[in-house]
Amino acid sequence: MSIITDRIKAMRYDYPEYIPVSIEVTAACWIKYGEKLHPILDRHPWFFCERSYKDYEALRLRPMHYERTDAWGCVWKHALAG
């Protein structure tokens, strides 16, 4: 069974083999913990949607107020990095 199939079955309440979940590490966590997160993500790849490590310095230098638009067109306004 694929992850996509399980997600579709979950949306239809059709008893998926697994409950599809993913966990995202926020920018604030990357900034605070940096490399200490690598072993955790490596140990649990099934749960984390992030497959590559973040550039911590770029996150620190991100403007304090910024906006981003997600895949559904929703605009997210962030007051602080992370």
PDB file of N, CA and C in Angstrom:
ATOM      1  N   MET A   1       0.855  -1.180   0.000  1.00  0.00           N
ATOM      2  CA  MET A   1       0.000   0.000   0.000  1.00  0.00           C
ATOM      3  C   MET A   1       0.896   1.236   0.000  1.00  0.00           C
ATOM      4  N   SER A   2       0.581   2.198  -0.801  1.00  0.00           N
ATOM      5  CA  SER A   2       1.406   3.404  -0.888  1.00  0.00           C
ATOM      6  C   SER A   2       0.916   4.468   0.087  1.00  0.00           C
ATOM      7  N   ILE A   3       1.770   5.430   0.336  1.00  0.00           N
ATOM      8  CA  ILE A   3       1.400   6.541   1.219  1.00  0.00           C
ATOM      9  C   ILE A   3       0.215   7.296   0.632  1.00  0.00           C
ATOM     10  N   ILE A   4       0.228   7.487  -0.677  1.00  0.00           N
ATOM     11  CA  ILE A   4      -0.865   8.225  -1.330  1.00  0.00           C
ATOM     12  C   ILE A   4      -2.171   7.458  -1.201  1.00  0.00           C
ATOM     13  N   THR A   5      -2.123   6.155  -1.408  1.00  0.00           N
ATOM     14  CA  THR A   5      -3.328   5.344  -1.271  1.00  0.00           C
ATOM     15  C   THR A   5      -3.869   5.427   0.152  1.00  0.00           C
ATOM     16  N   ASP A   6      -2.984   5.348   1.140  1.00  0.00           N
ATOM     17  CA  ASP A   6      -3.431   5.469   2.530  1.00  0.00           C
ATOM     18  C   ASP A   6      -4.043   6.833   2.802  1.00  0.00           C
ATOM     19  N   ARG A   7      -3.472   7.873   2.233  1.00  0.00           N
ATOM     20  CA  ARG A   7      -4.037   9.212   2.437  1.00  0.00           C
ATOM     21  C   ARG A   7      -5.438   9.304   1.832  1.00  0.00           C
ATOM     22  N   ILE A   8      -5.616   8.760   0.650  1.00  0.00           N
ATOM     23  CA  ILE A   8      -6.939   8.784   0.005  1.00  0.00           C
ATOM     24  C   ILE A   8      -7.924   7.960   0.819  1.00  0.00           C
ATOM     25  N   LYS A   9      -7.508   6.779   1.262  1.00  0.00           N
ATOM     26  CA  LYS A   9      -8.392   5.942   2.075  1.00  0.00           C
ATOM     27  C   LYS A   9      -8.758   6.650   3.380  1.00  0.00           C
ATOM     28  N   ALA A  10      -7.802   7.365   3.982  1.00  0.00           N
ATOM     29  CA  ALA A  10      -8.084   8.093   5.222  1.00  0.00           C
ATOM     30  C   ALA A  10      -9.095   9.213   4.970  1.00  0.00           C
ATOM     31  N   MET A  11      -8.948   9.935   3.862  1.00  0.00           N
ATOM     32  CA  MET A  11      -9.884  11.014   3.541  1.00  0.00           C
ATOM     33  C   MET A  11     -11.297  10.481   3.328  1.00  0.00           C
ATOM     34  N   ARG A  12     -11.384   9.271   2.851  1.00  0.00           N
ATOM     35  CA  ARG A  12     -12.697   8.652   2.588  1.00  0.00           C
ATOM     36  C   ARG A  12     -13.190   7.814   3.776  1.00  0.00           C
ATOM     37  N   TYR A  13     -12.467   7.840   4.885  1.00  0.00           N
ATOM     38  CA  TYR A  13     -12.804   7.027   6.059  1.00  0.00           C
ATOM     39  C   TYR A  13     -12.933   5.550   5.664  1.00  0.00           C
ATOM     40  N   ASP A  14     -11.964   5.083   4.875  1.00  0.00           N
ATOM     41  CA  ASP A  14     -12.017   3.750   4.292  1.00  0.00           C
ATOM     42  C   ASP A  14     -10.942   2.832   4.889  1.00  0.00           C
ATOM     43  N   TYR A  15     -10.682   2.954   6.180  1.00  0.00           N
ATOM     44  CA  TYR A  15      -9.783   2.072   6.914  1.00  0.00           C
ATOM     45  C   TYR A  15      -8.411   1.916   6.258  1.00  0.00           C
ATOM     46  N   PRO A  16      -7.619   2.979   6.249  1.00  0.00           N
ATOM     47  CA  PRO A  16      -6.270   2.857   5.681  1.00  0.00           C
ATOM     48  C   PRO A  16      -5.412   1.926   6.534  1.00  0.00           C
ATOM     49  N   GLU A  17      -4.387   1.346   5.920  1.00  0.00           N
ATOM     50  CA  GLU A  17      -3.476   0.473   6.643  1.00  0.00           C
ATOM     51  C   GLU A  17      -2.753   1.247   7.755  1.00  0.00           C
ATOM     52  N   TYR A  18      -2.398   2.507   7.461  1.00  0.00           N
ATOM     53  CA  TYR A  18      -1.738   3.383   8.421  1.00  0.00           C
ATOM     54  C   TYR A  18      -2.472   4.707   8.450  1.00  0.00           C
ATOM     55  N   ILE A  19      -2.396   5.388   9.585  1.00  0.00           N
ATOM     56  CA  ILE A  19      -2.919   6.751   9.653  1.00  0.00           C
ATOM     57  C   ILE A  19      -1.840   7.660   9.074  1.00  0.00           C
ATOM     58  N   PRO A  20      -2.118   8.341   7.979  1.00  0.00           N
ATOM     59  CA  PRO A  20      -1.085   9.175   7.348  1.00  0.00           C
ATOM     60  C   PRO A  20      -0.815  10.438   8.159  1.00  0.00           C
ATOM     61  N   VAL A  21       0.418  10.589   8.582  1.00  0.00           N
ATOM     62  CA  VAL A  21       0.834  11.767   9.336  1.00  0.00           C
ATOM     63  C   VAL A  21       2.197  12.221   8.835  1.00  0.00           C
ATOM     64  N   SER A  22       2.495  13.462   9.070  1.00  0.00           N
ATOM     65  CA  SER A  22       3.852  13.964   8.843  1.00  0.00           C
ATOM     66  C   SER A  22       4.079  15.056   9.881  1.00  0.00           C
ATOM     67  N   ILE A  23       5.318  15.239  10.234  1.00  0.00           N
ATOM     68  CA  ILE A  23       5.681  16.227  11.240  1.00  0.00           C
ATOM     69  C   ILE A  23       6.676  17.181  10.597  1.00  0.00           C
ATOM     70  N   GLU A  24       6.422  18.453  10.734  1.00  0.00           N
ATOM     71  CA  GLU A  24       7.344  19.442  10.180  1.00  0.00           C
ATOM     72  C   GLU A  24       8.101  20.113  11.315  1.00  0.00           C
ATOM     73  N   VAL A  25       9.393  20.235  11.141  1.00  0.00           N
ATOM     74  CA  VAL A  25      10.211  20.938  12.114  1.00  0.00           C
ATOM     75  C   VAL A  25      10.155  22.421  11.746  1.00  0.00           C
ATOM     76  N   THR A  26       9.745  23.243  12.693  1.00  0.00           N
ATOM     77  CA  THR A  26       9.590  24.669  12.412  1.00  0.00           C
ATOM     78  C   THR A  26      10.951  25.361  12.288  1.00  0.00           C
ATOM     79  N   ALA A  27      10.937  26.521  11.672  1.00  0.00           N
ATOM     80  CA  ALA A  27      12.160  27.303  11.525  1.00  0.00           C
ATOM     81  C   ALA A  27      12.752  27.626  12.895  1.00  0.00           C
ATOM     82  N   ALA A  28      11.894  27.892  13.880  1.00  0.00           N
ATOM     83  CA  ALA A  28      12.389  28.200  15.230  1.00  0.00           C
ATOM     84  C   ALA A  28      13.185  27.031  15.796  1.00  0.00           C
ATOM     85  N   CYS A  29      12.716  25.809  15.566  1.00  0.00           N
ATOM     86  CA  CYS A  29      13.456  24.619  16.034  1.00  0.00           C
ATOM     87  C   CYS A  29      14.782  24.483  15.302  1.00  0.00           C
ATOM     88  N   TRP A  30      14.771  24.701  13.972  1.00  0.00           N
ATOM     89  CA  TRP A  30      16.023  24.619  13.208  1.00  0.00           C
ATOM     90  C   TRP A  30      17.023  25.639  13.710  1.00  0.00           C
ATOM     91  N   ILE A  31      16.536  26.863  13.979  1.00  0.00           N
ATOM     92  CA  ILE A  31      17.429  27.918  14.449  1.00  0.00           C
ATOM     93  C   ILE A  31      18.016  27.559  15.819  1.00  0.00           C
ATOM     94  N   LYS A  32      17.176  27.048  16.718  1.00  0.00           N
ATOM     95  CA  LYS A  32      17.636  26.757  18.080  1.00  0.00           C
ATOM     96  C   LYS A  32      18.487  25.489  18.156  1.00  0.00           C
ATOM     97  N   TYR A  33      18.083  24.415  17.468  1.00  0.00           N
ATOM     98  CA  TYR A  33      18.738  23.124  17.660  1.00  0.00           C
ATOM     99  C   TYR A  33      19.648  22.690  16.520  1.00  0.00           C
ATOM    100  N   GLY A  34      19.450  23.229  15.323  1.00  0.00           N
ATOM    101  CA  GLY A  34      20.334  22.958  14.192  1.00  0.00           C
ATOM    102  C   GLY A  34      20.677  21.495  13.990  1.00  0.00           C
ATOM    103  N   GLU A  35      21.973  21.196  14.008  1.00  0.00           N
ATOM    104  CA  GLU A  35      22.466  19.848  13.713  1.00  0.00           C
ATOM    105  C   GLU A  35      21.966  18.791  14.692  1.00  0.00           C
ATOM    106  N   LYS A  36      21.568  19.176  15.882  1.00  0.00           N
ATOM    107  CA  LYS A  36      21.063  18.206  16.856  1.00  0.00           C
ATOM    108  C   LYS A  36      19.789  17.520  16.354  1.00  0.00           C
ATOM    109  N   LEU A  37      19.109  18.129  15.386  1.00  0.00           N
ATOM    110  CA  LEU A  37      17.889  17.535  14.826  1.00  0.00           C
ATOM    111  C   LEU A  37      18.186  16.422  13.817  1.00  0.00           C
ATOM    112  N   HIS A  38      19.366  16.435  13.225  1.00  0.00           N
ATOM    113  CA  HIS A  38      19.692  15.462  12.168  1.00  0.00           C
ATOM    114  C   HIS A  38      19.468  14.014  12.588  1.00  0.00           C
ATOM    115  N   PRO A  39      19.988  13.566  13.741  1.00  0.00           N
ATOM    116  CA  PRO A  39      19.786  12.166  14.118  1.00  0.00           C
ATOM    117  C   PRO A  39      18.311  11.798  14.313  1.00  0.00           C
ATOM    118  N   ILE A  40      17.530  12.745  14.781  1.00  0.00           N
ATOM    119  CA  ILE A  40      16.102  12.478  14.995  1.00  0.00           C
ATOM    120  C   ILE A  40      15.406  12.283  13.654  1.00  0.00           C
ATOM    121  N   LEU A  41      15.661  13.190  12.701  1.00  0.00           N
ATOM    122  CA  LEU A  41      15.057  13.053  11.386  1.00  0.00           C
ATOM    123  C   LEU A  41      15.535  11.785  10.689  1.00  0.00           C
ATOM    124  N   ASP A  42      16.806  11.447  10.859  1.00  0.00           N
ATOM    125  CA  ASP A  42      17.346  10.233  10.255  1.00  0.00           C
ATOM    126  C   ASP A  42      16.725   8.979  10.851  1.00  0.00           C
ATOM    127  N   ARG A  43      16.468   9.004  12.145  1.00  0.00           N
ATOM    128  CA  ARG A  43      15.904   7.839  12.829  1.00  0.00           C
ATOM    129  C   ARG A  43      14.437   7.614  12.494  1.00  0.00           C
ATOM    130  N   HIS A  44      13.717   8.696  12.137  1.00  0.00           N
ATOM    131  CA  HIS A  44      12.272   8.608  11.925  1.00  0.00           C
ATOM    132  C   HIS A  44      11.849   9.229  10.591  1.00  0.00           C
ATOM    133  N   PRO A  45      12.368   8.739   9.472  1.00  0.00           N
ATOM    134  CA  PRO A  45      12.061   9.359   8.176  1.00  0.00           C
ATOM    135  C   PRO A  45      10.587   9.251   7.790  1.00  0.00           C
ATOM    136  N   TRP A  46       9.895   8.272   8.311  1.00  0.00           N
ATOM    137  CA  TRP A  46       8.485   8.078   7.956  1.00  0.00           C
ATOM    138  C   TRP A  46       7.635   9.260   8.416  1.00  0.00           C
ATOM    139  N   PHE A  47       7.974   9.877   9.559  1.00  0.00           N
ATOM    140  CA  PHE A  47       7.147  10.930  10.129  1.00  0.00           C
ATOM    141  C   PHE A  47       7.478  12.329   9.650  1.00  0.00           C
ATOM    142  N   PHE A  48       8.718  12.550   9.247  1.00  0.00           N
ATOM    143  CA  PHE A  48       9.124  13.909   8.917  1.00  0.00           C
ATOM    144  C   PHE A  48       9.009  14.162   7.428  1.00  0.00           C
ATOM    145  N   CYS A  49       8.300  15.250   7.076  1.00  0.00           N
ATOM    146  CA  CYS A  49       8.127  15.574   5.666  1.00  0.00           C
ATOM    147  C   CYS A  49       9.383  16.216   5.088  1.00  0.00           C
ATOM    148  N   GLU A  50      10.304  16.627   5.939  1.00  0.00           N
ATOM    149  CA  GLU A  50      11.531  17.263   5.472  1.00  0.00           C
ATOM    150  C   GLU A  50      12.571  16.197   5.171  1.00  0.00           C
ATOM    151  N   ARG A  51      13.079  16.186   3.961  1.00  0.00           N
ATOM    152  CA  ARG A  51      14.061  15.193   3.565  1.00  0.00           C
ATOM    153  C   ARG A  51      15.463  15.777   3.479  1.00  0.00           C
ATOM    154  N   SER A  52      15.570  17.094   3.557  1.00  0.00           N
ATOM    155  CA  SER A  52      16.891  17.719   3.514  1.00  0.00           C
ATOM    156  C   SER A  52      17.025  18.634   4.728  1.00  0.00           C
ATOM    157  N   TYR A  53      18.253  18.866   5.097  1.00  0.00           N
ATOM    158  CA  TYR A  53      18.499  19.691   6.273  1.00  0.00           C
ATOM    159  C   TYR A  53      18.449  21.168   5.903  1.00  0.00           C
ATOM    160  N   LYS A  54      18.040  21.965   6.863  1.00  0.00           N
ATOM    161  CA  LYS A  54      17.867  23.394   6.629  1.00  0.00           C
ATOM    162  C   LYS A  54      19.188  24.149   6.748  1.00  0.00           C
ATOM    163  N   ASP A  55      19.227  25.280   6.064  1.00  0.00           N
ATOM    164  CA  ASP A  55      20.345  26.207   6.173  1.00  0.00           C
ATOM    165  C   ASP A  55      20.030  27.123   7.361  1.00  0.00           C
ATOM    166  N   TYR A  56      20.617  26.836   8.516  1.00  0.00           N
ATOM    167  CA  TYR A  56      20.272  27.540   9.749  1.00  0.00           C
ATOM    168  C   TYR A  56      20.552  29.032   9.664  1.00  0.00           C
ATOM    169  N   GLU A  57      21.676  29.395   9.056  1.00  0.00           N
ATOM    170  CA  GLU A  57      22.020  30.818   8.965  1.00  0.00           C
ATOM    171  C   GLU A  57      21.005  31.568   8.112  1.00  0.00           C
ATOM    172  N   ALA A  58      20.555  30.960   7.021  1.00  0.00           N
ATOM    173  CA  ALA A  58      19.547  31.613   6.176  1.00  0.00           C
ATOM    174  C   ALA A  58      18.256  31.824   6.964  1.00  0.00           C
ATOM    175  N   LEU A  59      17.904  30.867   7.822  1.00  0.00           N
ATOM    176  CA  LEU A  59      16.704  31.026   8.641  1.00  0.00           C
ATOM    177  C   LEU A  59      16.874  32.164   9.642  1.00  0.00           C
ATOM    178  N   ARG A  60      18.065  32.285  10.216  1.00  0.00           N
ATOM    179  CA  ARG A  60      18.318  33.370  11.178  1.00  0.00           C
ATOM    180  C   ARG A  60      18.227  34.742  10.507  1.00  0.00           C
ATOM    181  N   LEU A  61      18.624  34.797   9.246  1.00  0.00           N
ATOM    182  CA  LEU A  61      18.662  36.073   8.540  1.00  0.00           C
ATOM    183  C   LEU A  61      17.337  36.428   7.868  1.00  0.00           C
ATOM    184  N   ARG A  62      16.363  35.531   7.947  1.00  0.00           N
ATOM    185  CA  ARG A  62      15.059  35.785   7.334  1.00  0.00           C
ATOM    186  C   ARG A  62      14.436  37.024   7.975  1.00  0.00           C
ATOM    187  N   PRO A  63      13.748  37.842   7.192  1.00  0.00           N
ATOM    188  CA  PRO A  63      13.118  39.039   7.757  1.00  0.00           C
ATOM    189  C   PRO A  63      12.143  38.680   8.886  1.00  0.00           C
ATOM    190  N   MET A  64      11.964  39.594   9.819  1.00  0.00           N
ATOM    191  CA  MET A  64      11.079  39.341  10.951  1.00  0.00           C
ATOM    192  C   MET A  64       9.620  39.217  10.517  1.00  0.00           C
ATOM    193  N   HIS A  65       9.218  39.944   9.503  1.00  0.00           N
ATOM    194  CA  HIS A  65       7.840  39.865   9.010  1.00  0.00           C
ATOM    195  C   HIS A  65       7.886  39.433   7.552  1.00  0.00           C
ATOM    196  N   TYR A  66       7.227  38.337   7.270  1.00  0.00           N
ATOM    197  CA  TYR A  66       7.182  37.884   5.887  1.00  0.00           C
ATOM    198  C   TYR A  66       5.908  37.092   5.654  1.00  0.00           C
ATOM    199  N   GLU A  67       5.594  36.886   4.388  1.00  0.00           N
ATOM    200  CA  GLU A  67       4.412  36.125   4.002  1.00  0.00           C
ATOM    201  C   GLU A  67       4.837  35.017   3.058  1.00  0.00           C
ATOM    202  N   ARG A  68       4.073  33.934   3.087  1.00  0.00           N
ATOM    203  CA  ARG A  68       4.275  32.884   2.104  1.00  0.00           C
ATOM    204  C   ARG A  68       2.915  32.334   1.732  1.00  0.00           C
ATOM    205  N   THR A  69       2.807  31.793   0.543  1.00  0.00           N
ATOM    206  CA  THR A  69       1.561  31.219   0.065  1.00  0.00           C
ATOM    207  C   THR A  69       1.751  29.720  -0.092  1.00  0.00           C
ATOM    208  N   ASP A  70       0.845  28.937   0.496  1.00  0.00           N
ATOM    209  CA  ASP A  70       0.976  27.485   0.418  1.00  0.00           C
ATOM    210  C   ASP A  70       0.365  26.947  -0.877  1.00  0.00           C
ATOM    211  N   ALA A  71       0.391  25.638  -1.037  1.00  0.00           N
ATOM    212  CA  ALA A  71      -0.061  24.989  -2.273  1.00  0.00           C
ATOM    213  C   ALA A  71      -1.543  25.224  -2.551  1.00  0.00           C
ATOM    214  N   TRP A  72      -2.334  25.563  -1.537  1.00  0.00           N
ATOM    215  CA  TRP A  72      -3.761  25.791  -1.722  1.00  0.00           C
ATOM    216  C   TRP A  72      -4.092  27.269  -1.921  1.00  0.00           C
ATOM    217  N   GLY A  73      -3.068  28.112  -1.949  1.00  0.00           N
ATOM    218  CA  GLY A  73      -3.290  29.538  -2.149  1.00  0.00           C
ATOM    219  C   GLY A  73      -3.535  30.313  -0.860  1.00  0.00           C
ATOM    220  N   CYS A  74      -3.413  29.665   0.284  1.00  0.00           N
ATOM    221  CA  CYS A  74      -3.575  30.359   1.572  1.00  0.00           C
ATOM    222  C   CYS A  74      -2.317  31.167   1.872  1.00  0.00           C
ATOM    223  N   VAL A  75      -2.502  32.394   2.285  1.00  0.00           N
ATOM    224  CA  VAL A  75      -1.377  33.259   2.617  1.00  0.00           C
ATOM    225  C   VAL A  75      -1.114  33.169   4.117  1.00  0.00           C
ATOM    226  N   TRP A  76       0.123  32.822   4.472  1.00  0.00           N
ATOM    227  CA  TRP A  76       0.545  32.728   5.873  1.00  0.00           C
ATOM    228  C   TRP A  76       1.409  33.934   6.176  1.00  0.00           C
ATOM    229  N   LYS A  77       1.045  34.689   7.200  1.00  0.00           N
ATOM    230  CA  LYS A  77       1.814  35.858   7.606  1.00  0.00           C
ATOM    231  C   LYS A  77       2.565  35.520   8.886  1.00  0.00           C
ATOM    232  N   HIS A  78       3.868  35.688   8.838  1.00  0.00           N
ATOM    233  CA  HIS A  78       4.726  35.352   9.967  1.00  0.00           C
ATOM    234  C   HIS A  78       5.297  36.630  10.576  1.00  0.00           C
ATOM    235  N   ALA A  79       5.156  36.763  11.894  1.00  0.00           N
ATOM    236  CA  ALA A  79       5.683  37.937  12.576  1.00  0.00           C
ATOM    237  C   ALA A  79       7.137  37.731  12.983  1.00  0.00           C
ATOM    238  N   LEU A  80       7.531  36.485  13.202  1.00  0.00           N
ATOM    239  CA  LEU A  80       8.899  36.171  13.614  1.00  0.00           C
ATOM    240  C   LEU A  80       9.401  34.979  12.806  1.00  0.00           C
ATOM    241  N   ALA A  81      10.682  34.909  12.607  1.00  0.00           N
ATOM    242  CA  ALA A  81      11.239  33.727  11.948  1.00  0.00           C
ATOM    243  C   ALA A  81      10.898  32.512  12.797  1.00  0.00           C
ATOM    244  N   GLY A  82      10.276  31.533  12.198  1.00  0.00           N
ATOM    245  CA  GLY A  82       9.904  30.329  12.938  1.00  0.00           C
ATOM    246  C   GLY A  82       8.531  30.454  13.535  1.00  0.00           C
TER     247      GLY A  82
END
